[in-house]
Each structure stands twice: as C-alpha cells, then as structure tokens.
Amino acid sequence: VCSTCRARVVEGKVDMAVNYALEEWEVERGFVLTCQARPLTARVTIDYDES
C-alpha cells in the first residue's frame, strides 16, 4: 500500500472504491486515493500538493 496518489478534492465529488491507505481523518478532510477514485460530478479538481 503506497498512497503515492493521495490528493485532496478541491472541487466536485468522487467515489473512492477502496481505501487501503488513508486514515479516517484524511478522508474527512477530503483526501482520496486517485487510483481508486471515480468522478461523481462533471467537474473535479484535485490538489496533489496539499499536505
């Protein structure tokens, strides 16, 4: 489990199919694993630089 693709959703919504790496507090703050995320809205903006 690497979490290299961890990013924060800035705009829009995604569904994260599987979460092997993120803590609950990270998910609550909008972080997702982009390798497991599928868009639920027409526009999705993510930030890979957010820590």
PDB file of N, CA and C in Angstrom:
ATOM      1  N   VAL A   1       0.854  -1.170   0.000  1.00  0.00           N
ATOM      2  CA  VAL A   1       0.000   0.000   0.000  1.00  0.00           C
ATOM      3  C   VAL A   1       0.897   1.229   0.000  1.00  0.00           C
ATOM      4  N   CYS A   2       0.805   2.033  -1.044  1.00  0.00           N
ATOM      5  CA  CYS A   2       1.781   3.111  -1.176  1.00  0.00           C
ATOM      6  C   CYS A   2       1.228   4.501  -0.881  1.00  0.00           C
ATOM      7  N   SER A   3       0.016   4.796  -1.247  1.00  0.00           N
ATOM      8  CA  SER A   3      -0.638   6.108  -1.115  1.00  0.00           C
ATOM      9  C   SER A   3       0.077   7.216  -1.883  1.00  0.00           C
ATOM     10  N   THR A   4       0.860   6.863  -2.894  1.00  0.00           N
ATOM     11  CA  THR A   4       1.533   7.854  -3.733  1.00  0.00           C
ATOM     12  C   THR A   4       0.529   8.757  -4.440  1.00  0.00           C
ATOM     13  N   CYS A   5      -0.636   8.244  -4.755  1.00  0.00           N
ATOM     14  CA  CYS A   5      -1.638   9.010  -5.495  1.00  0.00           C
ATOM     15  C   CYS A   5      -2.555   9.827  -4.582  1.00  0.00           C
ATOM     16  N   ARG A   6      -2.229   9.945  -3.323  1.00  0.00           N
ATOM     17  CA  ARG A   6      -3.047  10.698  -2.359  1.00  0.00           C
ATOM     18  C   ARG A   6      -3.175  12.148  -2.808  1.00  0.00           C
ATOM     19  N   ALA A   7      -4.396  12.645  -2.830  1.00  0.00           N
ATOM     20  CA  ALA A   7      -4.662  14.029  -3.208  1.00  0.00           C
ATOM     21  C   ALA A   7      -5.926  14.497  -2.501  1.00  0.00           C
ATOM     22  N   ARG A   8      -6.109  15.821  -2.464  1.00  0.00           N
ATOM     23  CA  ARG A   8      -7.302  16.390  -1.835  1.00  0.00           C
ATOM     24  C   ARG A   8      -8.248  16.880  -2.914  1.00  0.00           C
ATOM     25  N   VAL A   9      -9.516  16.550  -2.776  1.00  0.00           N
ATOM     26  CA  VAL A   9     -10.533  17.024  -3.706  1.00  0.00           C
ATOM     27  C   VAL A   9     -10.850  18.471  -3.349  1.00  0.00           C
ATOM     28  N   VAL A  10     -10.603  19.370  -4.291  1.00  0.00           N
ATOM     29  CA  VAL A  10     -10.825  20.798  -4.091  1.00  0.00           C
ATOM     30  C   VAL A  10     -12.216  21.192  -4.581  1.00  0.00           C
ATOM     31  N   GLU A  11     -12.651  20.553  -5.659  1.00  0.00           N
ATOM     32  CA  GLU A  11     -13.949  20.875  -6.252  1.00  0.00           C
ATOM     33  C   GLU A  11     -14.568  19.601  -6.804  1.00  0.00           C
ATOM     34  N   GLY A  12     -15.865  19.455  -6.626  1.00  0.00           N
ATOM     35  CA  GLY A  12     -16.569  18.300  -7.142  1.00  0.00           C
ATOM     36  C   GLY A  12     -16.618  17.163  -6.137  1.00  0.00           C
ATOM     37  N   LYS A  13     -17.071  16.020  -6.619  1.00  0.00           N
ATOM     38  CA  LYS A  13     -17.208  14.845  -5.755  1.00  0.00           C
ATOM     39  C   LYS A  13     -16.691  13.617  -6.484  1.00  0.00           C
ATOM     40  N   VAL A  14     -16.106  12.722  -5.703  1.00  0.00           N
ATOM     41  CA  VAL A  14     -15.638  11.448  -6.245  1.00  0.00           C
ATOM     42  C   VAL A  14     -16.084  10.325  -5.322  1.00  0.00           C
ATOM     43  N   ASP A  15     -16.090   9.128  -5.861  1.00  0.00           N
ATOM     44  CA  ASP A  15     -16.351   7.931  -5.070  1.00  0.00           C
ATOM     45  C   ASP A  15     -15.062   7.131  -5.034  1.00  0.00           C
ATOM     46  N   MET A  16     -14.555   6.891  -3.837  1.00  0.00           N
ATOM     47  CA  MET A  16     -13.338   6.109  -3.686  1.00  0.00           C
ATOM     48  C   MET A  16     -13.747   4.658  -3.447  1.00  0.00           C
ATOM     49  N   ALA A  17     -13.513   3.813  -4.430  1.00  0.00           N
ATOM     50  CA  ALA A  17     -13.959   2.422  -4.383  1.00  0.00           C
ATOM     51  C   ALA A  17     -13.347   1.656  -3.218  1.00  0.00           C
ATOM     52  N   VAL A  18     -12.054   1.796  -3.024  1.00  0.00           N
ATOM     53  CA  VAL A  18     -11.341   1.075  -1.973  1.00  0.00           C
ATOM     54  C   VAL A  18     -10.364   2.027  -1.312  1.00  0.00           C
ATOM     55  N   ASN A  19     -10.245   1.923   0.000  1.00  0.00           N
ATOM     56  CA  ASN A  19      -9.295   2.749   0.737  1.00  0.00           C
ATOM     57  C   ASN A  19      -8.383   1.840   1.551  1.00  0.00           C
ATOM     58  N   TYR A  20      -7.173   1.647   1.049  1.00  0.00           N
ATOM     59  CA  TYR A  20      -6.210   0.805   1.750  1.00  0.00           C
ATOM     60  C   TYR A  20      -5.206   1.603   2.563  1.00  0.00           C
ATOM     61  N   ALA A  21      -5.139   2.922   2.359  1.00  0.00           N
ATOM     62  CA  ALA A  21      -4.007   3.667   2.907  1.00  0.00           C
ATOM     63  C   ALA A  21      -4.348   4.894   3.736  1.00  0.00           C
ATOM     64  N   LEU A  22      -5.512   5.480   3.551  1.00  0.00           N
ATOM     65  CA  LEU A  22      -5.812   6.739   4.226  1.00  0.00           C
ATOM     66  C   LEU A  22      -6.446   6.512   5.593  1.00  0.00           C
ATOM     67  N   GLU A  23      -6.098   7.394   6.506  1.00  0.00           N
ATOM     68  CA  GLU A  23      -6.725   7.394   7.830  1.00  0.00           C
ATOM     69  C   GLU A  23      -8.096   8.063   7.715  1.00  0.00           C
ATOM     70  N   GLU A  24      -8.958   7.804   8.670  1.00  0.00           N
ATOM     71  CA  GLU A  24     -10.310   8.377   8.662  1.00  0.00           C
ATOM     72  C   GLU A  24     -10.278   9.903   8.626  1.00  0.00           C
ATOM     73  N   TRP A  25      -9.362  10.521   9.388  1.00  0.00           N
ATOM     74  CA  TRP A  25      -9.287  11.987   9.419  1.00  0.00           C
ATOM     75  C   TRP A  25      -8.884  12.548   8.053  1.00  0.00           C
ATOM     76  N   GLU A  26      -8.106  11.810   7.280  1.00  0.00           N
ATOM     77  CA  GLU A  26      -7.715  12.272   5.946  1.00  0.00           C
ATOM     78  C   GLU A  26      -8.921  12.270   5.007  1.00  0.00           C
ATOM     79  N   VAL A  27      -9.701  11.216   5.065  1.00  0.00           N
ATOM     80  CA  VAL A  27     -10.902  11.126   4.239  1.00  0.00           C
ATOM     81  C   VAL A  27     -11.880  12.232   4.626  1.00  0.00           C
ATOM     82  N   GLU A  28     -12.033  12.486   5.919  1.00  0.00           N
ATOM     83  CA  GLU A  28     -12.931  13.548   6.391  1.00  0.00           C
ATOM     84  C   GLU A  28     -12.492  14.916   5.888  1.00  0.00           C
ATOM     85  N   ARG A  29     -11.212  15.103   5.662  1.00  0.00           N
ATOM     86  CA  ARG A  29     -10.681  16.383   5.167  1.00  0.00           C
ATOM     87  C   ARG A  29     -10.628  16.449   3.646  1.00  0.00           C
ATOM     88  N   GLY A  30     -11.175  15.452   2.980  1.00  0.00           N
ATOM     89  CA  GLY A  30     -11.295  15.498   1.525  1.00  0.00           C
ATOM     90  C   GLY A  30     -10.211  14.790   0.746  1.00  0.00           C
ATOM     91  N   PHE A  31      -9.348  14.055   1.423  1.00  0.00           N
ATOM     92  CA  PHE A  31      -8.296  13.335   0.719  1.00  0.00           C
ATOM     93  C   PHE A  31      -8.838  12.036   0.139  1.00  0.00           C
ATOM     94  N   VAL A  32      -8.304  11.667  -1.024  1.00  0.00           N
ATOM     95  CA  VAL A  32      -8.685  10.428  -1.698  1.00  0.00           C
ATOM     96  C   VAL A  32      -7.440   9.772  -2.282  1.00  0.00           C
ATOM     97  N   LEU A  33      -7.592   8.519  -2.624  1.00  0.00           N
ATOM     98  CA  LEU A  33      -6.588   7.828  -3.426  1.00  0.00           C
ATOM     99  C   LEU A  33      -7.076   7.921  -4.863  1.00  0.00           C
ATOM    100  N   THR A  34      -6.380   8.684  -5.682  1.00  0.00           N
ATOM    101  CA  THR A  34      -6.879   8.924  -7.036  1.00  0.00           C
ATOM    102  C   THR A  34      -6.903   7.656  -7.884  1.00  0.00           C
ATOM    103  N   CYS A  35      -6.085   6.671  -7.541  1.00  0.00           N
ATOM    104  CA  CYS A  35      -6.117   5.407  -8.294  1.00  0.00           C
ATOM    105  C   CYS A  35      -7.403   4.633  -8.034  1.00  0.00           C
ATOM    106  N   GLN A  36      -8.121   4.988  -6.973  1.00  0.00           N
ATOM    107  CA  GLN A  36      -9.361   4.305  -6.608  1.00  0.00           C
ATOM    108  C   GLN A  36     -10.589   5.203  -6.750  1.00  0.00           C
ATOM    109  N   ALA A  37     -10.402   6.448  -7.180  1.00  0.00           N
ATOM    110  CA  ALA A  37     -11.490   7.426  -7.213  1.00  0.00           C
ATOM    111  C   ALA A  37     -12.097   7.556  -8.607  1.00  0.00           C
ATOM    112  N   ARG A  38     -13.405   7.635  -8.641  1.00  0.00           N
ATOM    113  CA  ARG A  38     -14.147   7.852  -9.882  1.00  0.00           C
ATOM    114  C   ARG A  38     -15.013   9.091  -9.697  1.00  0.00           C
ATOM    115  N   PRO A  39     -15.067   9.970 -10.715  1.00  0.00           N
ATOM    116  CA  PRO A  39     -15.837  11.208 -10.575  1.00  0.00           C
ATOM    117  C   PRO A  39     -17.338  10.956 -10.475  1.00  0.00           C
ATOM    118  N   LEU A  40     -17.979  11.747  -9.606  1.00  0.00           N
ATOM    119  CA  LEU A  40     -19.437  11.717  -9.476  1.00  0.00           C
ATOM    120  C   LEU A  40     -20.062  12.996 -10.009  1.00  0.00           C
ATOM    121  N   THR A  41     -19.236  13.996 -10.289  1.00  0.00           N
ATOM    122  CA  THR A  41     -19.707  15.266 -10.832  1.00  0.00           C
ATOM    123  C   THR A  41     -18.990  15.528 -12.152  1.00  0.00           C
ATOM    124  N   ALA A  42     -19.556  16.432 -12.949  1.00  0.00           N
ATOM    125  CA  ALA A  42     -18.979  16.739 -14.260  1.00  0.00           C
ATOM    126  C   ALA A  42     -17.591  17.360 -14.153  1.00  0.00           C
ATOM    127  N   ARG A  43     -17.353  18.083 -13.075  1.00  0.00           N
ATOM    128  CA  ARG A  43     -16.055  18.732 -12.889  1.00  0.00           C
ATOM    129  C   ARG A  43     -15.467  18.308 -11.548  1.00  0.00           C
ATOM    130  N   VAL A  44     -14.218  17.881 -11.580  1.00  0.00           N
ATOM    131  CA  VAL A  44     -13.496  17.511 -10.367  1.00  0.00           C
ATOM    132  C   VAL A  44     -12.114  18.147 -10.431  1.00  0.00           C
ATOM    133  N   THR A  45     -11.738  18.840  -9.362  1.00  0.00           N
ATOM    134  CA  THR A  45     -10.403  19.423  -9.257  1.00  0.00           C
ATOM    135  C   THR A  45      -9.728  18.818  -8.043  1.00  0.00           C
ATOM    136  N   ILE A  46      -8.501  18.336  -8.244  1.00  0.00           N
ATOM    137  CA  ILE A  46      -7.754  17.752  -7.136  1.00  0.00           C
ATOM    138  C   ILE A  46      -6.426  18.463  -6.975  1.00  0.00           C
ATOM    139  N   ASP A  47      -5.886  18.388  -5.772  1.00  0.00           N
ATOM    140  CA  ASP A  47      -4.616  19.037  -5.450  1.00  0.00           C
ATOM    141  C   ASP A  47      -3.660  17.988  -4.896  1.00  0.00           C
ATOM    142  N   TYR A  48      -2.616  17.696  -5.662  1.00  0.00           N
ATOM    143  CA  TYR A  48      -1.608  16.733  -5.210  1.00  0.00           C
ATOM    144  C   TYR A  48      -0.606  17.367  -4.257  1.00  0.00           C
ATOM    145  N   ASP A  49      -0.524  18.687  -4.235  1.00  0.00           N
ATOM    146  CA  ASP A  49       0.469  19.377  -3.412  1.00  0.00           C
ATOM    147  C   ASP A  49       0.009  19.633  -1.988  1.00  0.00           C
ATOM    148  N   GLU A  50      -1.274  19.488  -1.723  1.00  0.00           N
ATOM    149  CA  GLU A  50      -1.819  19.696  -0.379  1.00  0.00           C
ATOM    150  C   GLU A  50      -1.270  18.634   0.558  1.00  0.00           C
ATOM    151  N   SER A  51      -0.797  19.068   1.718  1.00  0.00           N
ATOM    152  CA  SER A  51      -0.264  18.064   2.650  1.00  0.00           C
ATOM    153  C   SER A  51      -1.085  17.980   3.908  1.00  0.00           C
TER     154      SER A  51
END
